[in-house]
Amino acid sequence: MVNRFSGALRRIRRLAVARRVQFTLKALRELAALELGLDAEDACEVLAGLKQADLVERIHSEVTGEWMYVFKPRIEGIVVYLKVILRSDCLVVSFHEDEEAPFEEET
């Protein structure tokens, strides 16, 4: 998966830098609920800074039939679950703390 989706990752970062990002209502609610105090602008910065290592998987949406890219970047010590769909813009579908992340002590 490391090189397979590098084109999609580059496109997500480019769209985020250009602020061509849309958020579903669900994603905006999840973003607002984060303890990190992030807003849509902060979310764009997170998208622009995604790394290949943050990519977890690509899954098929049962609702829209589109491919969704799942990332789990670490933001201020918290692993965040981030799901996006690439259209003409980047659509953020989900943006919340990862409930499955095990506690890891940073060394």
C-alpha atoms as a PDB file:
ATOM      1  CA  MET A   1       0.000   0.000   0.000  1.00  0.00           C
ATOM      2  CA  VAL A   2       2.991   2.289   0.462  1.00  0.00           C
ATOM      3  CA  ASN A   3       3.306   3.308  -3.203  1.00  0.00           C
ATOM      4  CA  ARG A   4      -0.055   2.173  -4.513  1.00  0.00           C
ATOM      5  CA  PHE A   5      -1.998   5.194  -3.322  1.00  0.00           C
ATOM      6  CA  SER A   6       0.738   7.822  -3.411  1.00  0.00           C
ATOM      7  CA  GLY A   7      -1.049   9.649  -6.253  1.00  0.00           C
ATOM      8  CA  ALA A   8      -4.216   9.937  -4.179  1.00  0.00           C
ATOM      9  CA  LEU A   9      -2.210  11.164  -1.200  1.00  0.00           C
ATOM     10  CA  ARG A  10      -0.482  13.832  -3.311  1.00  0.00           C
ATOM     11  CA  ARG A  11      -3.859  14.952  -4.646  1.00  0.00           C
ATOM     12  CA  ILE A  12      -5.370  15.163  -1.140  1.00  0.00           C
ATOM     13  CA  ARG A  13      -2.432  17.299   0.012  1.00  0.00           C
ATOM     14  CA  ARG A  14      -2.660  19.581  -3.046  1.00  0.00           C
ATOM     15  CA  LEU A  15      -6.401  20.096  -2.574  1.00  0.00           C
ATOM     16  CA  ALA A  16      -5.892  20.811   1.131  1.00  0.00           C
ATOM     17  CA  VAL A  17      -3.192  23.410   0.445  1.00  0.00           C
ATOM     18  CA  ALA A  18      -5.542  25.052  -2.091  1.00  0.00           C
ATOM     19  CA  ARG A  19      -8.339  24.859   0.527  1.00  0.00           C
ATOM     20  CA  ARG A  20     -10.488  22.883  -1.884  1.00  0.00           C
ATOM     21  CA  VAL A  21     -11.902  20.807   0.954  1.00  0.00           C
ATOM     22  CA  GLN A  22     -15.526  20.198   1.845  1.00  0.00           C
ATOM     23  CA  PHE A  23     -16.792  18.642   5.052  1.00  0.00           C
ATOM     24  CA  THR A  24     -19.882  16.558   5.626  1.00  0.00           C
ATOM     25  CA  LEU A  25     -22.046  17.741   8.510  1.00  0.00           C
ATOM     26  CA  LYS A  26     -20.998  14.611  10.400  1.00  0.00           C
ATOM     27  CA  ALA A  27     -17.296  15.439   9.937  1.00  0.00           C
ATOM     28  CA  LEU A  28     -17.817  19.040  11.112  1.00  0.00           C
ATOM     29  CA  ARG A  29     -19.606  17.798  14.230  1.00  0.00           C
ATOM     30  CA  GLU A  30     -16.837  15.305  14.938  1.00  0.00           C
ATOM     31  CA  LEU A  31     -14.190  17.962  14.400  1.00  0.00           C
ATOM     32  CA  ALA A  32     -15.924  20.319  16.828  1.00  0.00           C
ATOM     33  CA  ALA A  33     -16.182  17.549  19.420  1.00  0.00           C
ATOM     34  CA  LEU A  34     -12.436  16.875  19.463  1.00  0.00           C
ATOM     35  CA  GLU A  35     -10.629  17.927  22.622  1.00  0.00           C
ATOM     36  CA  LEU A  36      -7.913  19.395  20.403  1.00  0.00           C
ATOM     37  CA  GLY A  37     -10.028  22.445  19.587  1.00  0.00           C
ATOM     38  CA  LEU A  38      -9.594  22.101  15.824  1.00  0.00           C
ATOM     39  CA  ASP A  39     -11.598  23.886  13.157  1.00  0.00           C
ATOM     40  CA  ALA A  40     -11.919  23.390   9.390  1.00  0.00           C
ATOM     41  CA  GLU A  41      -8.761  25.426   8.756  1.00  0.00           C
ATOM     42  CA  ASP A  42      -6.816  23.204  11.161  1.00  0.00           C
ATOM     43  CA  ALA A  43      -8.254  20.129   9.434  1.00  0.00           C
ATOM     44  CA  CYS A  44      -6.931  21.405   6.105  1.00  0.00           C
ATOM     45  CA  GLU A  45      -3.488  21.732   7.693  1.00  0.00           C
ATOM     46  CA  VAL A  46      -3.742  18.138   8.903  1.00  0.00           C
ATOM     47  CA  LEU A  47      -4.725  16.980   5.401  1.00  0.00           C
ATOM     48  CA  ALA A  48      -1.870  18.946   3.835  1.00  0.00           C
ATOM     49  CA  GLY A  49       0.582  17.285   6.203  1.00  0.00           C
ATOM     50  CA  LEU A  50      -0.562  13.681   5.792  1.00  0.00           C
ATOM     51  CA  LYS A  51       2.210  11.139   5.287  1.00  0.00           C
ATOM     52  CA  GLN A  52       2.196   7.775   3.560  1.00  0.00           C
ATOM     53  CA  ALA A  53       2.560   6.141   6.997  1.00  0.00           C
ATOM     54  CA  ASP A  54      -0.761   7.742   8.060  1.00  0.00           C
ATOM     55  CA  LEU A  55      -2.667   5.854   5.344  1.00  0.00           C
ATOM     56  CA  VAL A  56      -4.414   2.810   6.785  1.00  0.00           C
ATOM     57  CA  GLU A  57      -6.619   1.551   3.982  1.00  0.00           C
ATOM     58  CA  ARG A  58      -8.869   2.322   1.051  1.00  0.00           C
ATOM     59  CA  ILE A  59     -12.447   1.139   1.421  1.00  0.00           C
ATOM     60  CA  HIS A  60     -15.464   1.125  -0.829  1.00  0.00           C
ATOM     61  CA  SER A  61     -18.422   3.243   0.294  1.00  0.00           C
ATOM     62  CA  GLU A  62     -21.601   1.227   0.405  1.00  0.00           C
ATOM     63  CA  VAL A  63     -23.599   4.468   0.247  1.00  0.00           C
ATOM     64  CA  THR A  64     -22.006   6.286  -2.708  1.00  0.00           C
ATOM     65  CA  GLY A  65     -19.959   3.540  -4.373  1.00  0.00           C
ATOM     66  CA  GLU A  66     -16.846   5.730  -4.164  1.00  0.00           C
ATOM     67  CA  TRP A  67     -13.445   4.866  -2.732  1.00  0.00           C
ATOM     68  CA  MET A  68     -12.693   6.317   0.686  1.00  0.00           C
ATOM     69  CA  TYR A  69      -9.184   6.737   2.039  1.00  0.00           C
ATOM     70  CA  VAL A  70      -8.719   6.119   5.757  1.00  0.00           C
ATOM     71  CA  PHE A  71      -5.871   7.844   7.589  1.00  0.00           C
ATOM     72  CA  LYS A  72      -4.803   7.773  11.226  1.00  0.00           C
ATOM     73  CA  PRO A  73      -2.431  10.686  11.801  1.00  0.00           C
ATOM     74  CA  ARG A  74      -1.195  11.596  15.262  1.00  0.00           C
ATOM     75  CA  ILE A  75      -2.112  15.165  16.243  1.00  0.00           C
ATOM     76  CA  GLU A  76      -0.705  16.524  19.477  1.00  0.00           C
ATOM     77  CA  GLY A  77      -0.308  12.984  20.787  1.00  0.00           C
ATOM     78  CA  ILE A  78      -3.817  11.854  19.808  1.00  0.00           C
ATOM     79  CA  VAL A  79      -4.474   9.423  16.961  1.00  0.00           C
ATOM     80  CA  VAL A  80      -7.258  10.757  14.776  1.00  0.00           C
ATOM     81  CA  TYR A  81      -9.435   8.693  12.423  1.00  0.00           C
ATOM     82  CA  LEU A  82      -9.813  10.592   9.156  1.00  0.00           C
ATOM     83  CA  LYS A  83     -11.797   9.384   6.144  1.00  0.00           C
ATOM     84  CA  VAL A  84     -11.871  11.249   2.818  1.00  0.00           C
ATOM     85  CA  ILE A  85     -13.330  10.857  -0.650  1.00  0.00           C
ATOM     86  CA  LEU A  86     -11.673  12.402  -3.680  1.00  0.00           C
ATOM     87  CA  ARG A  87     -13.986  14.208  -6.055  1.00  0.00           C
ATOM     88  CA  SER A  88     -13.226  17.511  -7.780  1.00  0.00           C
ATOM     89  CA  ASP A  89     -12.521  18.614  -4.216  1.00  0.00           C
ATOM     90  CA  CYS A  90     -11.514  16.610  -1.177  1.00  0.00           C
ATOM     91  CA  LEU A  91     -14.574  15.586   0.838  1.00  0.00           C
ATOM     92  CA  VAL A  92     -13.909  14.897   4.506  1.00  0.00           C
ATOM     93  CA  VAL A  93     -16.395  12.268   5.617  1.00  0.00           C
ATOM     94  CA  SER A  94     -15.107  11.545   9.113  1.00  0.00           C
ATOM     95  CA  PHE A  95     -12.678  13.279  11.498  1.00  0.00           C
ATOM     96  CA  HIS A  96     -12.632  12.038  15.096  1.00  0.00           C
ATOM     97  CA  GLU A  97     -10.400  10.519  17.730  1.00  0.00           C
ATOM     98  CA  ASP A  98      -9.526   6.942  16.866  1.00  0.00           C
ATOM     99  CA  GLU A  99     -11.442   4.750  19.281  1.00  0.00           C
ATOM    100  CA  GLU A 100      -9.293   1.699  18.506  1.00  0.00           C
ATOM    101  CA  ALA A 101      -5.918   3.335  19.134  1.00  0.00           C
ATOM    102  CA  PRO A 102      -4.052   1.644  21.947  1.00  0.00           C
ATOM    103  CA  PHE A 103      -2.355   3.856  24.496  1.00  0.00           C
ATOM    104  CA  GLU A 104       1.253   4.339  23.469  1.00  0.00           C
ATOM    105  CA  GLU A 105       3.765   6.028  25.672  1.00  0.00           C
ATOM    106  CA  GLU A 106       5.940   8.403  23.678  1.00  0.00           C
ATOM    107  CA  THR A 107       9.650   7.980  24.254  1.00  0.00           C
END
